[in-house]
Amino acid sequence: MIFYESPFKLELIGRIVHKDGQPLPFSTRKVSDLEDVLLEPKRAGPEGIAYYMFREVHRHGNLRYDLTVIPPRMFGEEFVKTYGHYHPEAKPGLSFPELYQILNGEAIFIMQSQRRDGSFDCIISKCKNGDVLFVPPNYGHVMVNPNPSSTLVSANIVSDSFSSEYEEYKENRGAAYYYTKEGMKQNLNCIIRDTKNLAPKELLDSHRITCSDLLEEITNKPERLDFLEDPSILP
């Protein structure tokens, strides 16, 4: 599966991403690594790799371009997903944002922001192949592969000047919602005040972001990505 021929050849062979013919280094999350955030950890199924993370496929300054590969599988009734994390503050009151693009398959992003009283505002966004999604400042996020027969491959651009924060997801045993065969199911450890279903383009438009291809953006127009390190410049 070839994604790009230039500025370098980027392809998926099996479950490993290759750049100009060479396999890239990767890290993984195993099924057992996700037990803390699953709806039904006892029904997670056999041990194995849940997803693959290819960091720093390309970079410009402090911005890195990553890929994530999530093969289809189920954890009982729940679809396979990432662990979930927040970003720390980039500027007072504003955490580092992030951009994603779906290179193959489909994705559902479950984003959440915690209020002062501990309750959550949520954004659900369904993405198809080619869509670019913006994760706004102050929102944690989980990415789900909702297609039981297709591998999800996503790209993302994010600042490399911080470490992600996972504690809240572990404490609450997952995101505010789980995505199951029956649809969204609320995590009863979370009080949800508001949930919006927004298309990827709505999230881009709400912050006046114009972007159709992340690799082209970081290689040819990196100055347009300054907001990923300084979210205070966002409208």
C-alpha atoms as a PDB file:
ATOM      1  CA  MET A   1       0.000   0.000   0.000  1.00  0.00           C
ATOM      2  CA  ILE A   2       1.766   3.133  -1.268  1.00  0.00           C
ATOM      3  CA  PHE A   3       0.813   6.473   0.295  1.00  0.00           C
ATOM      4  CA  TYR A   4       3.378   8.798  -1.309  1.00  0.00           C
ATOM      5  CA  GLU A   5       6.021   8.686  -4.024  1.00  0.00           C
ATOM      6  CA  SER A   6       7.501  12.086  -3.112  1.00  0.00           C
ATOM      7  CA  PRO A   7       9.195  13.804  -1.329  1.00  0.00           C
ATOM      8  CA  PHE A   8       9.973  10.181  -0.430  1.00  0.00           C
ATOM      9  CA  LYS A   9       8.279   6.868  -1.036  1.00  0.00           C
ATOM     10  CA  LEU A  10       6.074   5.979   1.902  1.00  0.00           C
ATOM     11  CA  GLU A  11       4.354   2.595   1.909  1.00  0.00           C
ATOM     12  CA  LEU A  12       2.879  -0.029   4.188  1.00  0.00           C
ATOM     13  CA  ILE A  13       4.184  -3.560   3.721  1.00  0.00           C
ATOM     14  CA  GLY A  14       2.302  -5.924   5.980  1.00  0.00           C
ATOM     15  CA  ARG A  15       1.992  -3.815   9.106  1.00  0.00           C
ATOM     16  CA  ILE A  16       5.343  -2.053   8.837  1.00  0.00           C
ATOM     17  CA  VAL A  17       5.833   1.377   7.263  1.00  0.00           C
ATOM     18  CA  HIS A  18       8.742   1.688   4.806  1.00  0.00           C
ATOM     19  CA  LYS A  19      10.399   4.937   3.743  1.00  0.00           C
ATOM     20  CA  ASP A  20      12.279   4.812   0.434  1.00  0.00           C
ATOM     21  CA  GLY A  21      12.334   1.035   0.686  1.00  0.00           C
ATOM     22  CA  GLN A  22      13.643   0.827   4.255  1.00  0.00           C
ATOM     23  CA  PRO A  23      11.534  -0.364   7.214  1.00  0.00           C
ATOM     24  CA  LEU A  24      11.103   2.327   9.839  1.00  0.00           C
ATOM     25  CA  PRO A  25      11.666   1.783  13.573  1.00  0.00           C
ATOM     26  CA  PHE A  26       8.481   1.581  15.618  1.00  0.00           C
ATOM     27  CA  SER A  27       7.019   1.090  19.057  1.00  0.00           C
ATOM     28  CA  THR A  28       3.838  -0.775  19.909  1.00  0.00           C
ATOM     29  CA  ARG A  29       0.959  -1.016  22.323  1.00  0.00           C
ATOM     30  CA  LYS A  30       0.028  -4.559  23.239  1.00  0.00           C
ATOM     31  CA  VAL A  31      -3.438  -5.664  24.245  1.00  0.00           C
ATOM     32  CA  SER A  32      -2.269  -5.970  27.849  1.00  0.00           C
ATOM     33  CA  ASP A  33      -1.045  -2.340  27.721  1.00  0.00           C
ATOM     34  CA  LEU A  34      -4.643  -1.230  27.094  1.00  0.00           C
ATOM     35  CA  GLU A  35      -6.358  -3.199  29.847  1.00  0.00           C
ATOM     36  CA  ASP A  36      -6.631  -0.102  32.078  1.00  0.00           C
ATOM     37  CA  VAL A  37      -8.786   1.753  29.524  1.00  0.00           C
ATOM     38  CA  LEU A  38     -11.025  -0.985  28.089  1.00  0.00           C
ATOM     39  CA  LEU A  39     -14.742  -1.349  28.657  1.00  0.00           C
ATOM     40  CA  GLU A  40     -14.406  -5.083  29.277  1.00  0.00           C
ATOM     41  CA  PRO A  41     -10.743  -5.932  29.882  1.00  0.00           C
ATOM     42  CA  LYS A  42     -11.574  -9.573  30.638  1.00  0.00           C
ATOM     43  CA  ARG A  43     -12.979  -9.894  27.109  1.00  0.00           C
ATOM     44  CA  ALA A  44     -10.019  -8.248  25.372  1.00  0.00           C
ATOM     45  CA  GLY A  45      -9.058 -11.485  23.674  1.00  0.00           C
ATOM     46  CA  PRO A  46      -5.617 -12.989  23.090  1.00  0.00           C
ATOM     47  CA  GLU A  47      -2.423 -11.047  23.713  1.00  0.00           C
ATOM     48  CA  GLY A  48      -0.805  -9.407  20.714  1.00  0.00           C
ATOM     49  CA  ILE A  49       0.038  -6.021  19.242  1.00  0.00           C
ATOM     50  CA  ALA A  50      -2.943  -3.657  19.240  1.00  0.00           C
ATOM     51  CA  TYR A  51      -1.257  -0.925  17.199  1.00  0.00           C
ATOM     52  CA  TYR A  52       2.055   0.323  15.828  1.00  0.00           C
ATOM     53  CA  MET A  53       3.547   3.829  16.206  1.00  0.00           C
ATOM     54  CA  PHE A  54       6.145   5.166  13.780  1.00  0.00           C
ATOM     55  CA  ARG A  55       7.621   8.332  15.277  1.00  0.00           C
ATOM     56  CA  GLU A  56       9.489  11.054  13.415  1.00  0.00           C
ATOM     57  CA  VAL A  57       8.951   9.729   9.898  1.00  0.00           C
ATOM     58  CA  HIS A  58       9.781  13.305   8.907  1.00  0.00           C
ATOM     59  CA  ARG A  59      10.421  16.474  10.866  1.00  0.00           C
ATOM     60  CA  HIS A  60      10.803  20.232  10.539  1.00  0.00           C
ATOM     61  CA  GLY A  61      12.296  21.990  13.547  1.00  0.00           C
ATOM     62  CA  ASN A  62      10.329  20.879  16.612  1.00  0.00           C
ATOM     63  CA  LEU A  63       7.472  19.471  14.542  1.00  0.00           C
ATOM     64  CA  ARG A  64       7.417  15.784  13.752  1.00  0.00           C
ATOM     65  CA  TYR A  65       5.339  13.771  11.289  1.00  0.00           C
ATOM     66  CA  ASP A  66       4.286  10.376  12.669  1.00  0.00           C
ATOM     67  CA  LEU A  67       2.255   7.417  11.458  1.00  0.00           C
ATOM     68  CA  THR A  68       0.031   5.041  13.445  1.00  0.00           C
ATOM     69  CA  VAL A  69      -1.153   1.667  12.129  1.00  0.00           C
ATOM     70  CA  ILE A  70      -4.174   0.074  13.836  1.00  0.00           C
ATOM     71  CA  PRO A  71      -5.168  -3.351  12.450  1.00  0.00           C
ATOM     72  CA  PRO A  72      -8.833  -4.317  12.852  1.00  0.00           C
ATOM     73  CA  ARG A  73      -9.844  -6.250  15.953  1.00  0.00           C
ATOM     74  CA  MET A  74     -12.373  -6.207  18.761  1.00  0.00           C
ATOM     75  CA  PHE A  75     -11.992  -6.060  22.526  1.00  0.00           C
ATOM     76  CA  GLY A  76     -15.190  -7.913  23.296  1.00  0.00           C
ATOM     77  CA  GLU A  77     -17.905  -5.528  22.072  1.00  0.00           C
ATOM     78  CA  GLU A  78     -15.492  -2.587  21.848  1.00  0.00           C
ATOM     79  CA  PHE A  79     -13.566  -1.593  18.721  1.00  0.00           C
ATOM     80  CA  VAL A  80      -9.779  -1.362  18.862  1.00  0.00           C
ATOM     81  CA  LYS A  81      -8.474   2.064  19.885  1.00  0.00           C
ATOM     82  CA  THR A  82      -5.471   4.007  21.115  1.00  0.00           C
ATOM     83  CA  TYR A  83      -4.871   4.434  24.843  1.00  0.00           C
ATOM     84  CA  GLY A  84      -5.805   8.129  24.942  1.00  0.00           C
ATOM     85  CA  HIS A  85      -3.799  11.085  26.199  1.00  0.00           C
ATOM     86  CA  TYR A  86      -3.651  14.822  26.832  1.00  0.00           C
ATOM     87  CA  HIS A  87      -0.950  17.330  25.955  1.00  0.00           C
ATOM     88  CA  PRO A  88       0.550  19.766  28.487  1.00  0.00           C
ATOM     89  CA  GLU A  89       0.311  23.542  28.213  1.00  0.00           C
ATOM     90  CA  ALA A  90       2.087  25.290  25.379  1.00  0.00           C
ATOM     91  CA  LYS A  91       0.918  28.727  26.499  1.00  0.00           C
ATOM     92  CA  PRO A  92      -0.949  29.723  29.668  1.00  0.00           C
ATOM     93  CA  GLY A  93      -4.352  28.072  29.541  1.00  0.00           C
ATOM     94  CA  LEU A  94      -3.728  26.394  26.165  1.00  0.00           C
ATOM     95  CA  SER A  95      -2.287  22.937  25.586  1.00  0.00           C
ATOM     96  CA  PHE A  96      -0.441  21.837  22.456  1.00  0.00           C
ATOM     97  CA  PRO A  97      -2.893  21.037  19.622  1.00  0.00           C
ATOM     98  CA  GLU A  98      -2.386  18.361  16.963  1.00  0.00           C
ATOM     99  CA  LEU A  99      -3.296  17.577  13.340  1.00  0.00           C
ATOM    100  CA  TYR A 100      -4.232  14.133  12.008  1.00  0.00           C
ATOM    101  CA  GLN A 101      -4.898  12.769   8.533  1.00  0.00           C
ATOM    102  CA  ILE A 102      -6.430   9.414   7.621  1.00  0.00           C
ATOM    103  CA  LEU A 103      -4.297   7.676   4.995  1.00  0.00           C
ATOM    104  CA  ASN A 104      -6.249   4.422   4.924  1.00  0.00           C
ATOM    105  CA  GLY A 105      -9.497   3.196   6.420  1.00  0.00           C
ATOM    106  CA  GLU A 106     -11.755   5.079   8.792  1.00  0.00           C
ATOM    107  CA  ALA A 107     -11.410   6.558  12.260  1.00  0.00           C
ATOM    108  CA  ILE A 108     -13.555   7.890  15.051  1.00  0.00           C
ATOM    109  CA  PHE A 109     -11.942  10.460  17.329  1.00  0.00           C
ATOM    110  CA  ILE A 110     -13.290  10.824  20.853  1.00  0.00           C
ATOM    111  CA  MET A 111     -12.045  14.154  22.216  1.00  0.00           C
ATOM    112  CA  GLN A 112     -12.707  15.516  25.685  1.00  0.00           C
ATOM    113  CA  SER A 113     -11.927  18.579  27.752  1.00  0.00           C
ATOM    114  CA  GLN A 114     -12.290  18.601  31.521  1.00  0.00           C
ATOM    115  CA  ARG A 115     -14.104  21.434  33.278  1.00  0.00           C
ATOM    116  CA  ARG A 116     -13.083  22.806  36.678  1.00  0.00           C
ATOM    117  CA  ASP A 117     -15.729  20.670  38.384  1.00  0.00           C
ATOM    118  CA  GLY A 118     -14.255  17.494  36.844  1.00  0.00           C
ATOM    119  CA  SER A 119     -17.000  16.978  34.250  1.00  0.00           C
ATOM    120  CA  PHE A 120     -16.312  16.738  30.520  1.00  0.00           C
ATOM    121  CA  ASP A 121     -17.191  18.414  27.261  1.00  0.00           C
ATOM    122  CA  CYS A 122     -16.790  15.993  24.368  1.00  0.00           C
ATOM    123  CA  ILE A 123     -16.369  16.156  20.610  1.00  0.00           C
ATOM    124  CA  ILE A 124     -16.974  13.098  18.430  1.00  0.00           C
ATOM    125  CA  SER A 125     -15.624  13.236  14.885  1.00  0.00           C
ATOM    126  CA  LYS A 126     -15.962  10.520  12.255  1.00  0.00           C
ATOM    127  CA  CYS A 127     -13.213  10.531   9.630  1.00  0.00           C
ATOM    128  CA  LYS A 128     -12.848   8.802   6.287  1.00  0.00           C
ATOM    129  CA  ASN A 129      -9.846   8.227   4.062  1.00  0.00           C
ATOM    130  CA  GLY A 130      -8.141  11.553   3.263  1.00  0.00           C
ATOM    131  CA  ASP A 131      -9.781  13.607   6.005  1.00  0.00           C
ATOM    132  CA  VAL A 132      -7.673  16.025   8.044  1.00  0.00           C
ATOM    133  CA  LEU A 133      -8.708  16.447  11.679  1.00  0.00           C
ATOM    134  CA  PHE A 134      -7.713  19.139  14.164  1.00  0.00           C
ATOM    135  CA  VAL A 135      -7.472  18.289  17.856  1.00  0.00           C
ATOM    136  CA  PRO A 136      -8.015  21.659  19.580  1.00  0.00           C
ATOM    137  CA  PRO A 137      -6.036  22.882  22.571  1.00  0.00           C
ATOM    138  CA  ASN A 138      -7.091  21.412  25.933  1.00  0.00           C
ATOM    139  CA  TYR A 139      -8.688  18.294  24.436  1.00  0.00           C
ATOM    140  CA  GLY A 140      -7.491  14.796  25.171  1.00  0.00           C
ATOM    141  CA  HIS A 141      -8.128  12.306  22.413  1.00  0.00           C
ATOM    142  CA  VAL A 142      -8.615   8.650  21.560  1.00  0.00           C
ATOM    143  CA  MET A 143      -8.579   7.275  18.006  1.00  0.00           C
ATOM    144  CA  VAL A 144     -10.773   4.262  17.203  1.00  0.00           C
ATOM    145  CA  ASN A 145     -10.663   1.924  14.214  1.00  0.00           C
ATOM    146  CA  PRO A 146     -14.398   1.281  13.682  1.00  0.00           C
ATOM    147  CA  ASN A 147     -13.973  -0.896  10.586  1.00  0.00           C
ATOM    148  CA  PRO A 148     -13.681  -4.608  11.458  1.00  0.00           C
ATOM    149  CA  SER A 149     -12.178  -5.447   8.072  1.00  0.00           C
ATOM    150  CA  SER A 150      -9.775  -2.570   7.321  1.00  0.00           C
ATOM    151  CA  THR A 151      -6.461  -1.407   8.771  1.00  0.00           C
ATOM    152  CA  LEU A 152      -6.488   2.203   9.921  1.00  0.00           C
ATOM    153  CA  VAL A 153      -3.397   4.195   8.991  1.00  0.00           C
ATOM    154  CA  SER A 154      -3.190   7.745  10.294  1.00  0.00           C
ATOM    155  CA  ALA A 155      -0.586  10.483  10.025  1.00  0.00           C
ATOM    156  CA  ASN A 156      -0.168  13.244  12.575  1.00  0.00           C
ATOM    157  CA  ILE A 157       1.903  16.378  13.052  1.00  0.00           C
ATOM    158  CA  VAL A 158       2.664  17.501  16.577  1.00  0.00           C
ATOM    159  CA  SER A 159       5.308  19.388  18.498  1.00  0.00           C
ATOM    160  CA  ASP A 160       8.178  17.257  19.767  1.00  0.00           C
ATOM    161  CA  SER A 161       8.802  19.502  22.782  1.00  0.00           C
ATOM    162  CA  PHE A 162       6.638  17.665  25.346  1.00  0.00           C
ATOM    163  CA  SER A 163       5.589  14.277  26.652  1.00  0.00           C
ATOM    164  CA  SER A 164       1.970  13.112  26.483  1.00  0.00           C
ATOM    165  CA  GLU A 165      -0.073  12.714  29.671  1.00  0.00           C
ATOM    166  CA  TYR A 166      -1.999   9.469  30.225  1.00  0.00           C
ATOM    167  CA  GLU A 167      -2.943   9.553  33.900  1.00  0.00           C
ATOM    168  CA  GLU A 168      -6.529  10.778  33.559  1.00  0.00           C
ATOM    169  CA  TYR A 169      -7.410   8.056  31.081  1.00  0.00           C
ATOM    170  CA  LYS A 170      -5.970   5.411  33.386  1.00  0.00           C
ATOM    171  CA  GLU A 171      -7.769   6.873  36.419  1.00  0.00           C
ATOM    172  CA  ASN A 172     -11.147   6.916  34.628  1.00  0.00           C
ATOM    173  CA  ARG A 173     -10.592   3.560  32.914  1.00  0.00           C
ATOM    174  CA  GLY A 174     -10.739   5.108  29.471  1.00  0.00           C
ATOM    175  CA  ALA A 175     -12.241   8.038  27.631  1.00  0.00           C
ATOM    176  CA  ALA A 176     -15.633   9.541  28.413  1.00  0.00           C
ATOM    177  CA  TYR A 177     -17.118   7.228  25.757  1.00  0.00           C
ATOM    178  CA  TYR A 178     -16.364   3.733  24.513  1.00  0.00           C
ATOM    179  CA  TYR A 179     -17.177   2.902  20.887  1.00  0.00           C
ATOM    180  CA  THR A 180     -18.888  -0.497  20.659  1.00  0.00           C
ATOM    181  CA  LYS A 181     -20.914  -2.574  18.199  1.00  0.00           C
ATOM    182  CA  GLU A 182     -23.974  -0.804  19.600  1.00  0.00           C
ATOM    183  CA  GLY A 183     -22.454   2.663  19.114  1.00  0.00           C
ATOM    184  CA  MET A 184     -21.177   5.122  21.706  1.00  0.00           C
ATOM    185  CA  LYS A 185     -21.431   3.954  25.295  1.00  0.00           C
ATOM    186  CA  GLN A 186     -20.795   6.378  28.148  1.00  0.00           C
ATOM    187  CA  ASN A 187     -18.017   5.645  30.593  1.00  0.00           C
ATOM    188  CA  LEU A 188     -19.826   5.750  33.933  1.00  0.00           C
ATOM    189  CA  ASN A 189     -16.688   7.033  35.627  1.00  0.00           C
ATOM    190  CA  CYS A 190     -17.138  10.306  33.718  1.00  0.00           C
ATOM    191  CA  ILE A 191     -19.765  13.035  34.056  1.00  0.00           C
ATOM    192  CA  ILE A 192     -20.445  14.433  30.574  1.00  0.00           C
ATOM    193  CA  ARG A 193     -21.902  17.938  30.335  1.00  0.00           C
ATOM    194  CA  ASP A 194     -21.916  18.389  26.563  1.00  0.00           C
ATOM    195  CA  THR A 195     -21.229  16.293  23.468  1.00  0.00           C
ATOM    196  CA  LYS A 196     -20.913  17.672  19.941  1.00  0.00           C
ATOM    197  CA  ASN A 197     -20.694  15.595  16.777  1.00  0.00           C
ATOM    198  CA  LEU A 198     -18.503  17.585  14.401  1.00  0.00           C
ATOM    199  CA  ALA A 199     -17.169  16.722  10.958  1.00  0.00           C
ATOM    200  CA  PRO A 200     -13.399  17.118  10.489  1.00  0.00           C
ATOM    201  CA  LYS A 201     -13.918  20.119   8.233  1.00  0.00           C
ATOM    202  CA  GLU A 202     -16.010  21.860  10.883  1.00  0.00           C
ATOM    203  CA  LEU A 203     -13.134  21.623  13.336  1.00  0.00           C
ATOM    204  CA  LEU A 204     -10.697  23.019  10.769  1.00  0.00           C
ATOM    205  CA  ASP A 205     -13.055  25.817   9.742  1.00  0.00           C
ATOM    206  CA  SER A 206     -13.793  26.826  13.333  1.00  0.00           C
ATOM    207  CA  HIS A 207     -10.104  27.687  13.758  1.00  0.00           C
ATOM    208  CA  ARG A 208      -9.607  28.945  10.175  1.00  0.00           C
ATOM    209  CA  ILE A 209      -7.147  26.182   9.356  1.00  0.00           C
ATOM    210  CA  THR A 210      -6.697  25.270   5.709  1.00  0.00           C
ATOM    211  CA  CYS A 211      -4.893  21.983   5.200  1.00  0.00           C
ATOM    212  CA  SER A 212      -5.536  19.109   2.797  1.00  0.00           C
ATOM    213  CA  ASP A 213      -2.323  17.071   3.123  1.00  0.00           C
ATOM    214  CA  LEU A 214      -0.102  16.929   6.188  1.00  0.00           C
ATOM    215  CA  LEU A 215       3.070  15.709   4.478  1.00  0.00           C
ATOM    216  CA  GLU A 216       2.873  18.457   1.868  1.00  0.00           C
ATOM    217  CA  GLU A 217       2.246  21.004   4.609  1.00  0.00           C
ATOM    218  CA  ILE A 218       5.248  20.084   6.755  1.00  0.00           C
ATOM    219  CA  THR A 219       7.616  19.749   3.772  1.00  0.00           C
ATOM    220  CA  ASN A 220       6.518  22.733   1.667  1.00  0.00           C
ATOM    221  CA  LYS A 221       4.626  25.121   3.969  1.00  0.00           C
ATOM    222  CA  PRO A 222       5.865  24.513   7.526  1.00  0.00           C
ATOM    223  CA  GLU A 223       5.324  28.150   8.512  1.00  0.00           C
ATOM    224  CA  ARG A 224       1.566  27.484   8.266  1.00  0.00           C
ATOM    225  CA  LEU A 225       1.926  25.071  11.180  1.00  0.00           C
ATOM    226  CA  ASP A 226       3.263  27.556  13.734  1.00  0.00           C
ATOM    227  CA  PHE A 227       0.015  27.245  15.718  1.00  0.00           C
ATOM    228  CA  LEU A 228       1.012  23.711  16.714  1.00  0.00           C
ATOM    229  CA  GLU A 229       3.680  25.231  18.959  1.00  0.00           C
ATOM    230  CA  ASP A 230       1.918  28.482  19.756  1.00  0.00           C
ATOM    231  CA  PRO A 231      -1.857  27.909  19.962  1.00  0.00           C
ATOM    232  CA  SER A 232      -2.372  31.497  21.122  1.00  0.00           C
ATOM    233  CA  ILE A 233      -2.197  32.573  17.459  1.00  0.00           C
ATOM    234  CA  LEU A 234      -5.268  30.506  16.556  1.00  0.00           C
ATOM    235  CA  PRO A 235      -8.473  32.454  15.869  1.00  0.00           C
END
